[in-house]
Amino acid sequence: MKKTKTYNLIISGVGGQGQITLKKILCQAAIKQGLDFKASELHGLAQKGGSVVIHFRTGKKVYSSLIAQGKADLILGLDLLEAARAIKFSSKNTKLVVNNLFIPFFKQSHFSEGDLLKLVKDKVKKINLVPASKICKEKLGNEIYTGVFLLGYLAKIKSFPLKKTSLISGIRKVLSKKNLLINLKAFKLGASLSENGIKRVKT
């Protein structure tokens, strides 16, 4: 990342998926690297189960906490439907990383991978579909660690401005001792995810 550029990250999901915790980790990681940052969250109608969108911006100097439509460098969708709802922030150059196997807290009308691909067609060049919830359920016993797992995956992306070591430092500062070790394991699982385990789709 060029020092003069502000990096714009959107995290979109529903209440209860840990977005506020992810925001705190990102802020601590930016502090660790000496970067300026601004962050905010926008809540939907409900608490658990309602839409929650995190805006996180970091760089040499950041003046606003909100990301304009079409200006996201990366959108992290914690589930398929919320990724689709956040697509207004994308441009052709936006990276879209989506947890494609989220099990909803409440029964919802079925929204499939195919539905997402139809909605984002011609809006982004590529989508990375990551089975994060499934892996966390199988390896850690609970999909609640999906968000931290995906932070580990983001650390693999060359253009992502926050280093793996900084994110780990953020996890250590934000999470309680009770939950620290398993979340560090989730992060490392995401950071070591084989490229064979990711489905990449060109739109």
N, C-alpha and C. Protein backbone atom coordinates (compact mmCIF):
# COMPACT_ATOMS: atom_id res chain seq x y z
N MET A 1 0.84 -1.20 0.00
CA MET A 1 0.00 0.00 0.00
C MET A 1 0.87 1.25 0.00
N LYS A 2 0.61 2.17 -0.91
CA LYS A 2 1.33 3.43 -0.91
C LYS A 2 0.95 4.23 0.32
N LYS A 3 1.92 4.92 0.89
CA LYS A 3 1.67 5.64 2.13
C LYS A 3 0.61 6.72 1.98
N THR A 4 0.44 7.25 0.78
CA THR A 4 -0.53 8.32 0.57
C THR A 4 -1.94 7.79 0.34
N LYS A 5 -2.09 6.51 0.11
CA LYS A 5 -3.39 5.95 -0.21
C LYS A 5 -4.12 5.51 1.04
N THR A 6 -5.41 5.77 1.07
CA THR A 6 -6.25 5.27 2.14
C THR A 6 -6.89 3.96 1.68
N TYR A 7 -6.76 2.94 2.49
CA TYR A 7 -7.32 1.62 2.16
C TYR A 7 -8.71 1.52 2.78
N ASN A 8 -9.68 1.12 1.96
CA ASN A 8 -11.08 1.09 2.38
C ASN A 8 -11.60 -0.34 2.46
N LEU A 9 -11.98 -0.75 3.65
CA LEU A 9 -12.49 -2.11 3.88
C LEU A 9 -13.91 -2.05 4.41
N ILE A 10 -14.80 -2.82 3.79
CA ILE A 10 -16.16 -3.02 4.26
C ILE A 10 -16.28 -4.44 4.80
N ILE A 11 -16.84 -4.59 6.00
CA ILE A 11 -17.18 -5.90 6.54
C ILE A 11 -18.70 -5.94 6.70
N SER A 12 -19.34 -6.86 6.02
CA SER A 12 -20.81 -6.92 6.02
C SER A 12 -21.29 -8.26 6.53
N GLY A 13 -22.20 -8.22 7.49
CA GLY A 13 -22.76 -9.46 8.04
C GLY A 13 -24.02 -9.14 8.83
N VAL A 14 -24.40 -10.05 9.71
CA VAL A 14 -25.56 -9.82 10.57
C VAL A 14 -25.10 -9.74 12.02
N GLY A 15 -25.92 -9.14 12.85
CA GLY A 15 -25.60 -9.01 14.26
C GLY A 15 -25.35 -10.37 14.90
N GLY A 16 -24.27 -10.45 15.70
CA GLY A 16 -23.94 -11.70 16.35
C GLY A 16 -22.76 -12.41 15.71
N GLN A 17 -22.26 -11.89 14.59
CA GLN A 17 -21.13 -12.51 13.92
C GLN A 17 -19.78 -11.93 14.34
N GLY A 18 -19.79 -10.97 15.26
CA GLY A 18 -18.54 -10.47 15.81
C GLY A 18 -17.90 -9.32 15.06
N GLN A 19 -18.70 -8.57 14.28
CA GLN A 19 -18.12 -7.48 13.50
C GLN A 19 -17.45 -6.42 14.37
N ILE A 20 -18.05 -6.12 15.52
CA ILE A 20 -17.47 -5.08 16.38
C ILE A 20 -16.11 -5.53 16.91
N THR A 21 -15.99 -6.80 17.23
CA THR A 21 -14.71 -7.35 17.66
C THR A 21 -13.68 -7.25 16.54
N LEU A 22 -14.09 -7.58 15.32
CA LEU A 22 -13.18 -7.47 14.18
C LEU A 22 -12.73 -6.03 13.99
N LYS A 23 -13.64 -5.09 14.15
CA LYS A 23 -13.29 -3.67 14.01
C LYS A 23 -12.23 -3.29 15.05
N LYS A 24 -12.39 -3.73 16.28
CA LYS A 24 -11.42 -3.41 17.33
C LYS A 24 -10.05 -4.01 17.03
N ILE A 25 -10.04 -5.24 16.51
CA ILE A 25 -8.78 -5.89 16.16
C ILE A 25 -8.07 -5.11 15.06
N LEU A 26 -8.83 -4.70 14.04
CA LEU A 26 -8.25 -3.92 12.94
C LEU A 26 -7.67 -2.60 13.44
N CYS A 27 -8.37 -1.94 14.33
CA CYS A 27 -7.89 -0.67 14.89
C CYS A 27 -6.58 -0.86 15.64
N GLN A 28 -6.52 -1.91 16.45
CA GLN A 28 -5.29 -2.18 17.20
C GLN A 28 -4.13 -2.54 16.27
N ALA A 29 -4.44 -3.25 15.19
CA ALA A 29 -3.40 -3.60 14.21
C ALA A 29 -2.86 -2.35 13.53
N ALA A 30 -3.75 -1.41 13.20
CA ALA A 30 -3.32 -0.15 12.57
C ALA A 30 -2.43 0.65 13.53
N ILE A 31 -2.80 0.69 14.80
CA ILE A 31 -1.99 1.38 15.81
C ILE A 31 -0.60 0.74 15.88
N LYS A 32 -0.55 -0.57 15.85
CA LYS A 32 0.71 -1.31 15.91
C LYS A 32 1.65 -0.90 14.77
N GLN A 33 1.06 -0.64 13.59
CA GLN A 33 1.86 -0.27 12.42
C GLN A 33 2.07 1.23 12.27
N GLY A 34 1.54 2.01 13.20
CA GLY A 34 1.71 3.46 13.13
C GLY A 34 0.86 4.11 12.05
N LEU A 35 -0.24 3.46 11.67
CA LEU A 35 -1.13 4.01 10.64
C LEU A 35 -2.27 4.79 11.28
N ASP A 36 -2.74 5.78 10.57
CA ASP A 36 -3.96 6.46 10.96
C ASP A 36 -5.14 5.58 10.54
N PHE A 37 -6.27 5.76 11.18
CA PHE A 37 -7.44 4.97 10.81
C PHE A 37 -8.71 5.64 11.31
N LYS A 38 -9.80 5.30 10.66
CA LYS A 38 -11.14 5.68 11.12
C LYS A 38 -12.04 4.46 10.92
N ALA A 39 -12.96 4.25 11.83
CA ALA A 39 -13.85 3.09 11.74
C ALA A 39 -15.22 3.43 12.29
N SER A 40 -16.22 2.81 11.71
CA SER A 40 -17.59 3.00 12.21
C SER A 40 -18.41 1.78 11.86
N GLU A 41 -19.57 1.66 12.53
CA GLU A 41 -20.47 0.57 12.19
C GLU A 41 -21.88 1.10 11.99
N LEU A 42 -22.58 0.53 11.03
CA LEU A 42 -23.96 0.88 10.73
C LEU A 42 -24.83 -0.33 11.00
N HIS A 43 -25.85 -0.14 11.83
CA HIS A 43 -26.70 -1.25 12.25
C HIS A 43 -28.05 -1.23 11.54
N GLY A 44 -28.57 -2.44 11.27
CA GLY A 44 -29.89 -2.57 10.69
C GLY A 44 -30.98 -2.50 11.75
N LEU A 45 -32.16 -2.99 11.42
CA LEU A 45 -33.31 -2.85 12.30
C LEU A 45 -33.22 -3.73 13.54
N ALA A 46 -32.63 -4.91 13.39
CA ALA A 46 -32.56 -5.84 14.51
C ALA A 46 -31.17 -5.83 15.11
N GLN A 47 -31.02 -6.46 16.27
CA GLN A 47 -29.70 -6.60 16.86
C GLN A 47 -29.08 -7.90 16.36
N LYS A 48 -29.38 -9.02 17.00
CA LYS A 48 -28.87 -10.29 16.52
C LYS A 48 -29.71 -10.73 15.33
N GLY A 49 -29.09 -10.81 14.17
CA GLY A 49 -29.82 -11.19 12.96
C GLY A 49 -30.05 -10.05 12.01
N GLY A 50 -29.86 -8.80 12.47
CA GLY A 50 -30.01 -7.64 11.59
C GLY A 50 -28.67 -7.29 10.95
N SER A 51 -28.71 -6.57 9.85
CA SER A 51 -27.50 -6.22 9.12
C SER A 51 -26.58 -5.32 9.96
N VAL A 52 -25.29 -5.61 9.92
CA VAL A 52 -24.27 -4.75 10.53
C VAL A 52 -23.15 -4.59 9.52
N VAL A 53 -22.84 -3.34 9.18
CA VAL A 53 -21.78 -3.06 8.20
C VAL A 53 -20.70 -2.24 8.87
N ILE A 54 -19.48 -2.74 8.80
CA ILE A 54 -18.32 -2.04 9.36
C ILE A 54 -17.60 -1.29 8.23
N HIS A 55 -17.31 -0.03 8.45
CA HIS A 55 -16.46 0.76 7.57
C HIS A 55 -15.12 0.92 8.28
N PHE A 56 -14.04 0.49 7.64
CA PHE A 56 -12.70 0.65 8.22
C PHE A 56 -11.78 1.23 7.17
N ARG A 57 -11.15 2.36 7.51
CA ARG A 57 -10.26 3.05 6.59
C ARG A 57 -8.92 3.29 7.29
N THR A 58 -7.83 3.01 6.58
CA THR A 58 -6.52 3.20 7.19
C THR A 58 -5.53 3.69 6.14
N GLY A 59 -4.53 4.42 6.61
CA GLY A 59 -3.52 4.99 5.73
C GLY A 59 -2.66 5.97 6.50
N LYS A 60 -1.90 6.80 5.77
CA LYS A 60 -1.05 7.78 6.41
C LYS A 60 -1.88 8.82 7.15
N LYS A 61 -2.96 9.29 6.50
CA LYS A 61 -3.88 10.23 7.13
C LYS A 61 -5.28 9.97 6.61
N VAL A 62 -6.21 9.74 7.52
CA VAL A 62 -7.59 9.42 7.16
C VAL A 62 -8.50 10.50 7.74
N TYR A 63 -9.36 11.05 6.89
CA TYR A 63 -10.18 12.18 7.32
C TYR A 63 -11.64 11.83 7.59
N SER A 64 -12.12 10.74 7.03
CA SER A 64 -13.53 10.38 7.20
C SER A 64 -13.65 8.90 7.54
N SER A 65 -14.66 8.56 8.32
CA SER A 65 -14.83 7.16 8.74
C SER A 65 -15.71 6.37 7.78
N LEU A 66 -16.43 7.05 6.90
CA LEU A 66 -17.36 6.35 6.02
C LEU A 66 -16.80 6.21 4.61
N ILE A 67 -17.07 5.08 4.01
CA ILE A 67 -16.61 4.77 2.65
C ILE A 67 -17.74 5.08 1.68
N ALA A 68 -17.42 5.83 0.65
CA ALA A 68 -18.43 6.18 -0.35
C ALA A 68 -18.75 4.98 -1.23
N GLN A 69 -19.94 4.99 -1.83
CA GLN A 69 -20.32 3.92 -2.74
C GLN A 69 -19.32 3.85 -3.90
N GLY A 70 -18.92 2.63 -4.23
CA GLY A 70 -17.98 2.42 -5.32
C GLY A 70 -16.53 2.61 -4.96
N LYS A 71 -16.21 2.81 -3.67
CA LYS A 71 -14.85 3.15 -3.27
C LYS A 71 -14.17 2.11 -2.39
N ALA A 72 -14.79 0.98 -2.16
CA ALA A 72 -14.17 -0.06 -1.32
C ALA A 72 -13.02 -0.75 -2.06
N ASP A 73 -11.92 -0.93 -1.36
CA ASP A 73 -10.83 -1.75 -1.91
C ASP A 73 -11.13 -3.23 -1.71
N LEU A 74 -11.79 -3.54 -0.61
CA LEU A 74 -12.13 -4.93 -0.32
C LEU A 74 -13.44 -4.98 0.45
N ILE A 75 -14.29 -5.92 0.08
CA ILE A 75 -15.52 -6.20 0.82
C ILE A 75 -15.41 -7.61 1.38
N LEU A 76 -15.54 -7.71 2.69
CA LEU A 76 -15.56 -9.01 3.35
C LEU A 76 -17.00 -9.31 3.73
N GLY A 77 -17.60 -10.29 3.06
CA GLY A 77 -18.97 -10.68 3.35
C GLY A 77 -18.98 -11.88 4.27
N LEU A 78 -19.56 -11.72 5.46
CA LEU A 78 -19.60 -12.83 6.41
C LEU A 78 -20.68 -13.84 6.07
N ASP A 79 -21.56 -13.48 5.15
CA ASP A 79 -22.48 -14.44 4.55
C ASP A 79 -22.86 -13.96 3.16
N LEU A 80 -23.48 -14.80 2.38
CA LEU A 80 -23.79 -14.51 0.98
C LEU A 80 -24.72 -13.32 0.82
N LEU A 81 -25.80 -13.31 1.60
CA LEU A 81 -26.81 -12.25 1.45
C LEU A 81 -26.24 -10.89 1.81
N GLU A 82 -25.50 -10.81 2.91
CA GLU A 82 -24.95 -9.51 3.33
C GLU A 82 -23.84 -9.05 2.40
N ALA A 83 -23.14 -9.99 1.78
CA ALA A 83 -22.15 -9.61 0.77
C ALA A 83 -22.85 -8.94 -0.41
N ALA A 84 -24.00 -9.50 -0.81
CA ALA A 84 -24.77 -8.92 -1.92
C ALA A 84 -25.26 -7.52 -1.57
N ARG A 85 -25.70 -7.33 -0.34
CA ARG A 85 -26.20 -6.02 0.08
C ARG A 85 -25.11 -4.96 0.10
N ALA A 86 -23.86 -5.39 0.29
CA ALA A 86 -22.74 -4.44 0.37
C ALA A 86 -22.14 -4.13 -0.98
N ILE A 87 -22.65 -4.74 -2.03
CA ILE A 87 -22.01 -4.61 -3.35
C ILE A 87 -22.05 -3.18 -3.88
N LYS A 88 -22.92 -2.34 -3.33
CA LYS A 88 -22.98 -0.94 -3.76
C LYS A 88 -21.67 -0.20 -3.48
N PHE A 89 -20.86 -0.75 -2.56
CA PHE A 89 -19.58 -0.11 -2.23
C PHE A 89 -18.47 -0.54 -3.18
N SER A 90 -18.77 -1.45 -4.10
CA SER A 90 -17.72 -2.02 -4.95
C SER A 90 -17.54 -1.26 -6.26
N SER A 91 -16.37 -1.47 -6.84
CA SER A 91 -16.07 -1.07 -8.21
C SER A 91 -15.49 -2.30 -8.89
N LYS A 92 -15.12 -2.17 -10.14
CA LYS A 92 -14.52 -3.30 -10.85
C LYS A 92 -13.23 -3.78 -10.19
N ASN A 93 -12.55 -2.88 -9.48
CA ASN A 93 -11.27 -3.22 -8.87
C ASN A 93 -11.38 -3.73 -7.44
N THR A 94 -12.59 -3.77 -6.90
CA THR A 94 -12.79 -4.21 -5.52
C THR A 94 -12.59 -5.71 -5.40
N LYS A 95 -11.87 -6.13 -4.36
CA LYS A 95 -11.77 -7.55 -4.05
C LYS A 95 -12.97 -7.95 -3.20
N LEU A 96 -13.62 -9.04 -3.56
CA LEU A 96 -14.78 -9.52 -2.82
C LEU A 96 -14.46 -10.88 -2.23
N VAL A 97 -14.42 -10.95 -0.91
CA VAL A 97 -14.15 -12.20 -0.19
C VAL A 97 -15.40 -12.55 0.60
N VAL A 98 -15.94 -13.74 0.36
CA VAL A 98 -17.24 -14.10 0.94
C VAL A 98 -17.18 -15.46 1.62
N ASN A 99 -17.69 -15.50 2.84
CA ASN A 99 -17.91 -16.76 3.54
C ASN A 99 -19.17 -17.37 2.93
N ASN A 100 -19.02 -18.45 2.19
CA ASN A 100 -20.15 -18.94 1.39
C ASN A 100 -20.94 -20.07 2.05
N LEU A 101 -20.62 -20.37 3.31
CA LEU A 101 -21.34 -21.47 3.97
C LEU A 101 -21.85 -21.07 5.34
N PHE A 102 -22.28 -19.82 5.47
CA PHE A 102 -22.78 -19.35 6.76
C PHE A 102 -24.14 -19.97 7.08
N ILE A 103 -24.29 -20.45 8.32
CA ILE A 103 -25.57 -20.98 8.79
C ILE A 103 -26.27 -19.86 9.55
N PRO A 104 -27.41 -19.32 9.05
CA PRO A 104 -28.04 -18.16 9.67
C PRO A 104 -28.57 -18.44 11.06
N PHE A 105 -28.62 -17.37 11.87
CA PHE A 105 -29.17 -17.50 13.22
C PHE A 105 -30.68 -17.74 13.17
N PHE A 106 -31.33 -17.14 12.21
CA PHE A 106 -32.77 -17.29 12.05
C PHE A 106 -33.06 -17.89 10.69
N LYS A 107 -34.16 -18.61 10.58
CA LYS A 107 -34.54 -19.16 9.29
C LYS A 107 -34.87 -18.01 8.34
N GLN A 108 -34.21 -18.01 7.20
CA GLN A 108 -34.41 -16.95 6.21
C GLN A 108 -34.76 -17.58 4.88
N SER A 109 -35.31 -16.79 3.99
CA SER A 109 -35.53 -17.29 2.66
C SER A 109 -34.18 -17.66 2.06
N HIS A 110 -34.12 -18.74 1.33
CA HIS A 110 -32.85 -19.27 0.85
C HIS A 110 -32.21 -18.30 -0.14
N PHE A 111 -30.96 -17.99 0.12
CA PHE A 111 -30.17 -17.14 -0.76
C PHE A 111 -28.91 -17.91 -1.09
N SER A 112 -28.74 -18.25 -2.34
CA SER A 112 -27.69 -19.18 -2.73
C SER A 112 -26.47 -18.47 -3.30
N GLU A 113 -25.43 -19.25 -3.50
CA GLU A 113 -24.23 -18.77 -4.16
C GLU A 113 -24.57 -18.25 -5.56
N GLY A 114 -25.45 -18.96 -6.24
CA GLY A 114 -25.87 -18.54 -7.58
C GLY A 114 -26.58 -17.20 -7.56
N ASP A 115 -27.39 -16.97 -6.53
CA ASP A 115 -28.08 -15.68 -6.40
C ASP A 115 -27.07 -14.55 -6.24
N LEU A 116 -26.04 -14.78 -5.43
CA LEU A 116 -25.00 -13.76 -5.24
C LEU A 116 -24.30 -13.46 -6.57
N LEU A 117 -23.94 -14.49 -7.29
CA LEU A 117 -23.21 -14.31 -8.54
C LEU A 117 -24.02 -13.52 -9.56
N LYS A 118 -25.33 -13.74 -9.58
CA LYS A 118 -26.19 -12.98 -10.49
C LYS A 118 -26.20 -11.50 -10.13
N LEU A 119 -26.26 -11.21 -8.84
CA LEU A 119 -26.36 -9.82 -8.38
C LEU A 119 -25.06 -9.04 -8.58
N VAL A 120 -23.93 -9.73 -8.48
CA VAL A 120 -22.66 -9.01 -8.56
C VAL A 120 -22.03 -9.08 -9.95
N LYS A 121 -22.69 -9.75 -10.87
CA LYS A 121 -22.17 -9.88 -12.23
C LYS A 121 -21.91 -8.50 -12.82
N ASP A 122 -20.73 -8.32 -13.39
CA ASP A 122 -20.29 -7.07 -14.02
C ASP A 122 -19.99 -5.96 -13.02
N LYS A 123 -20.10 -6.25 -11.71
CA LYS A 123 -19.80 -5.22 -10.71
C LYS A 123 -18.41 -5.40 -10.12
N VAL A 124 -17.94 -6.64 -10.03
CA VAL A 124 -16.57 -6.92 -9.62
C VAL A 124 -15.99 -7.95 -10.59
N LYS A 125 -14.67 -7.99 -10.67
CA LYS A 125 -14.04 -8.91 -11.61
C LYS A 125 -14.00 -10.34 -11.08
N LYS A 126 -13.67 -10.46 -9.78
CA LYS A 126 -13.49 -11.79 -9.19
C LYS A 126 -14.10 -11.85 -7.79
N ILE A 127 -14.54 -13.04 -7.43
CA ILE A 127 -15.04 -13.29 -6.09
C ILE A 127 -14.26 -14.46 -5.51
N ASN A 128 -13.81 -14.32 -4.28
CA ASN A 128 -13.19 -15.42 -3.56
C ASN A 128 -14.21 -15.97 -2.56
N LEU A 129 -14.68 -17.18 -2.80
CA LEU A 129 -15.64 -17.83 -1.91
C LEU A 129 -14.89 -18.77 -0.98
N VAL A 130 -14.97 -18.46 0.31
CA VAL A 130 -14.18 -19.19 1.32
C VAL A 130 -15.13 -19.94 2.26
N PRO A 131 -15.00 -21.26 2.39
CA PRO A 131 -15.88 -22.03 3.28
C PRO A 131 -15.48 -21.89 4.75
N ALA A 132 -15.43 -20.66 5.23
CA ALA A 132 -14.88 -20.37 6.55
C ALA A 132 -15.72 -20.98 7.67
N SER A 133 -17.05 -20.84 7.60
CA SER A 133 -17.90 -21.38 8.65
C SER A 133 -17.76 -22.89 8.76
N LYS A 134 -17.72 -23.54 7.61
CA LYS A 134 -17.59 -25.00 7.59
C LYS A 134 -16.28 -25.44 8.23
N ILE A 135 -15.19 -24.76 7.88
CA ILE A 135 -13.88 -25.12 8.43
C ILE A 135 -13.85 -24.89 9.93
N CYS A 136 -14.38 -23.75 10.38
CA CYS A 136 -14.40 -23.45 11.83
C CYS A 136 -15.25 -24.46 12.59
N LYS A 137 -16.37 -24.86 12.00
CA LYS A 137 -17.23 -25.86 12.63
C LYS A 137 -16.50 -27.19 12.75
N GLU A 138 -15.80 -27.59 11.69
CA GLU A 138 -15.12 -28.88 11.67
C GLU A 138 -13.86 -28.89 12.53
N LYS A 139 -13.07 -27.81 12.45
CA LYS A 139 -11.76 -27.79 13.12
C LYS A 139 -11.81 -27.25 14.55
N LEU A 140 -12.76 -26.32 14.79
CA LEU A 140 -12.80 -25.64 16.09
C LEU A 140 -14.07 -25.91 16.87
N GLY A 141 -15.03 -26.58 16.23
CA GLY A 141 -16.26 -26.95 16.92
C GLY A 141 -17.35 -25.92 16.90
N ASN A 142 -17.09 -24.74 16.29
CA ASN A 142 -18.10 -23.68 16.31
C ASN A 142 -17.79 -22.66 15.21
N GLU A 143 -18.83 -22.25 14.46
CA GLU A 143 -18.61 -21.26 13.40
C GLU A 143 -18.50 -19.83 13.94
N ILE A 144 -18.58 -19.67 15.25
CA ILE A 144 -18.46 -18.34 15.85
C ILE A 144 -17.09 -17.71 15.60
N TYR A 145 -16.10 -18.53 15.26
CA TYR A 145 -14.74 -18.05 15.04
C TYR A 145 -14.49 -17.66 13.58
N THR A 146 -15.54 -17.67 12.78
CA THR A 146 -15.42 -17.41 11.34
C THR A 146 -14.78 -16.06 11.04
N GLY A 147 -15.18 -15.01 11.74
CA GLY A 147 -14.67 -13.67 11.46
C GLY A 147 -13.17 -13.58 11.63
N VAL A 148 -12.65 -14.12 12.73
CA VAL A 148 -11.21 -14.08 12.98
C VAL A 148 -10.48 -14.98 11.98
N PHE A 149 -11.08 -16.10 11.63
CA PHE A 149 -10.53 -16.97 10.58
C PHE A 149 -10.34 -16.17 9.29
N LEU A 150 -11.36 -15.40 8.92
CA LEU A 150 -11.29 -14.63 7.68
C LEU A 150 -10.28 -13.49 7.76
N LEU A 151 -10.05 -12.93 8.95
CA LEU A 151 -8.97 -11.95 9.10
C LEU A 151 -7.63 -12.60 8.76
N GLY A 152 -7.46 -13.85 9.18
CA GLY A 152 -6.25 -14.57 8.83
C GLY A 152 -6.11 -14.73 7.33
N TYR A 153 -7.24 -15.00 6.67
CA TYR A 153 -7.22 -15.13 5.21
C TYR A 153 -6.86 -13.79 4.55
N LEU A 154 -7.41 -12.68 5.07
CA LEU A 154 -7.10 -11.37 4.49
C LEU A 154 -5.62 -11.05 4.59
N ALA A 155 -4.97 -11.53 5.65
CA ALA A 155 -3.54 -11.28 5.83
C ALA A 155 -2.71 -11.90 4.72
N LYS A 156 -3.28 -12.85 3.98
CA LYS A 156 -2.59 -13.48 2.85
C LYS A 156 -2.62 -12.61 1.60
N ILE A 157 -3.53 -11.65 1.55
CA ILE A 157 -3.71 -10.84 0.35
C ILE A 157 -2.63 -9.76 0.29
N LYS A 158 -1.89 -9.72 -0.80
CA LYS A 158 -0.73 -8.82 -0.90
C LYS A 158 -1.08 -7.35 -0.71
N SER A 159 -2.22 -6.94 -1.23
CA SER A 159 -2.59 -5.52 -1.16
C SER A 159 -3.17 -5.12 0.20
N PHE A 160 -3.46 -6.09 1.05
CA PHE A 160 -4.04 -5.77 2.37
C PHE A 160 -2.98 -5.11 3.23
N PRO A 161 -3.27 -3.94 3.80
CA PRO A 161 -2.22 -3.13 4.43
C PRO A 161 -1.78 -3.58 5.81
N LEU A 162 -2.59 -4.39 6.49
CA LEU A 162 -2.25 -4.79 7.85
C LEU A 162 -1.53 -6.14 7.86
N LYS A 163 -0.39 -6.17 8.51
CA LYS A 163 0.45 -7.36 8.51
C LYS A 163 -0.12 -8.43 9.45
N LYS A 164 0.27 -9.65 9.17
CA LYS A 164 -0.15 -10.78 9.99
C LYS A 164 0.24 -10.57 11.46
N THR A 165 1.47 -10.11 11.69
CA THR A 165 1.93 -9.90 13.06
C THR A 165 1.13 -8.81 13.77
N SER A 166 0.73 -7.79 13.02
CA SER A 166 -0.05 -6.70 13.61
C SER A 166 -1.45 -7.18 13.98
N LEU A 167 -2.04 -8.00 13.13
CA LEU A 167 -3.37 -8.54 13.40
C LEU A 167 -3.34 -9.47 14.60
N ILE A 168 -2.31 -10.27 14.70
CA ILE A 168 -2.17 -11.15 15.87
C ILE A 168 -2.03 -10.32 17.14
N SER A 169 -1.26 -9.24 17.07
CA SER A 169 -1.13 -8.32 18.21
C SER A 169 -2.49 -7.74 18.58
N GLY A 170 -3.29 -7.37 17.56
CA GLY A 170 -4.63 -6.85 17.80
C GLY A 170 -5.53 -7.87 18.48
N ILE A 171 -5.45 -9.12 18.05
CA ILE A 171 -6.24 -10.19 18.67
C ILE A 171 -5.86 -10.33 20.14
N ARG A 172 -4.58 -10.29 20.42
CA ARG A 172 -4.11 -10.42 21.81
C ARG A 172 -4.60 -9.27 22.69
N LYS A 173 -4.69 -8.08 22.12
CA LYS A 173 -5.11 -6.92 22.90
C LYS A 173 -6.63 -6.88 23.12
N VAL A 174 -7.39 -7.36 22.14
CA VAL A 174 -8.85 -7.21 22.18
C VAL A 174 -9.56 -8.36 22.89
N LEU A 175 -9.10 -9.58 22.67
CA LEU A 175 -9.84 -10.73 23.18
C LEU A 175 -9.41 -11.12 24.59
N SER A 176 -10.35 -11.65 25.34
CA SER A 176 -10.08 -12.08 26.71
C SER A 176 -9.19 -13.32 26.71
N LYS A 177 -8.53 -13.56 27.83
CA LYS A 177 -7.66 -14.73 27.95
C LYS A 177 -8.44 -16.01 27.71
N LYS A 178 -9.69 -16.02 28.12
CA LYS A 178 -10.53 -17.21 27.99
C LYS A 178 -10.70 -17.61 26.53
N ASN A 179 -10.82 -16.62 25.65
CA ASN A 179 -11.09 -16.89 24.23
C ASN A 179 -9.88 -16.70 23.32
N LEU A 180 -8.74 -16.36 23.92
CA LEU A 180 -7.59 -15.96 23.10
C LEU A 180 -7.01 -17.12 22.29
N LEU A 181 -6.71 -18.22 22.92
CA LEU A 181 -6.00 -19.30 22.24
C LEU A 181 -6.79 -19.87 21.07
N ILE A 182 -8.08 -20.05 21.23
CA ILE A 182 -8.86 -20.65 20.14
C ILE A 182 -9.03 -19.66 18.99
N ASN A 183 -9.08 -18.36 19.31
CA ASN A 183 -9.16 -17.36 18.24
C ASN A 183 -7.84 -17.23 17.50
N LEU A 184 -6.73 -17.35 18.21
CA LEU A 184 -5.43 -17.36 17.54
C LEU A 184 -5.33 -18.58 16.62
N LYS A 185 -5.88 -19.69 17.05
CA LYS A 185 -5.89 -20.89 16.21
C LYS A 185 -6.74 -20.65 14.97
N ALA A 186 -7.90 -19.98 15.15
CA ALA A 186 -8.77 -19.66 14.01
C ALA A 186 -8.05 -18.76 13.01
N PHE A 187 -7.36 -17.75 13.52
CA PHE A 187 -6.62 -16.83 12.66
C PHE A 187 -5.55 -17.58 11.86
N LYS A 188 -4.81 -18.44 12.54
CA LYS A 188 -3.74 -19.18 11.87
C LYS A 188 -4.30 -20.16 10.84
N LEU A 189 -5.48 -20.72 11.12
CA LEU A 189 -6.13 -21.59 10.13
C LEU A 189 -6.46 -20.80 8.87
N GLY A 190 -6.98 -19.59 9.05
CA GLY A 190 -7.30 -18.75 7.89
C GLY A 190 -6.07 -18.33 7.12
N ALA A 191 -5.00 -18.00 7.86
CA ALA A 191 -3.76 -17.55 7.23
C ALA A 191 -3.05 -18.67 6.48
N SER A 192 -3.31 -19.91 6.88
CA SER A 192 -2.65 -21.06 6.24
C SER A 192 -3.56 -21.80 5.27
N LEU A 193 -4.75 -21.24 5.00
CA LEU A 193 -5.70 -21.92 4.13
C LEU A 193 -5.11 -22.14 2.75
N SER A 194 -5.17 -23.36 2.29
CA SER A 194 -4.66 -23.70 0.97
C SER A 194 -5.49 -23.02 -0.11
N GLU A 195 -4.81 -22.60 -1.16
CA GLU A 195 -5.52 -21.99 -2.28
C GLU A 195 -6.49 -22.96 -2.92
N ASN A 196 -6.26 -24.24 -2.73
CA ASN A 196 -7.17 -25.26 -3.27
C ASN A 196 -8.51 -25.27 -2.54
N GLY A 197 -8.53 -24.68 -1.33
CA GLY A 197 -9.76 -24.66 -0.56
C GLY A 197 -10.64 -23.46 -0.85
N ILE A 198 -10.24 -22.62 -1.80
CA ILE A 198 -10.97 -21.39 -2.11
C ILE A 198 -11.57 -21.51 -3.50
N LYS A 199 -12.81 -21.11 -3.63
CA LYS A 199 -13.45 -21.11 -4.95
C LYS A 199 -13.38 -19.70 -5.50
N ARG A 200 -12.70 -19.53 -6.64
CA ARG A 200 -12.60 -18.22 -7.27
C ARG A 200 -13.51 -18.19 -8.50
N VAL A 201 -14.31 -17.15 -8.58
CA VAL A 201 -15.27 -17.03 -9.67
C VAL A 201 -15.03 -15.71 -10.39
N LYS A 202 -14.86 -15.78 -11.71
CA LYS A 202 -14.79 -14.57 -12.53
C LYS A 202 -16.20 -14.22 -12.99
N THR A 203 -16.58 -12.96 -12.83
CA THR A 203 -17.95 -12.57 -13.20
C THR A 203 -17.98 -11.98 -14.61
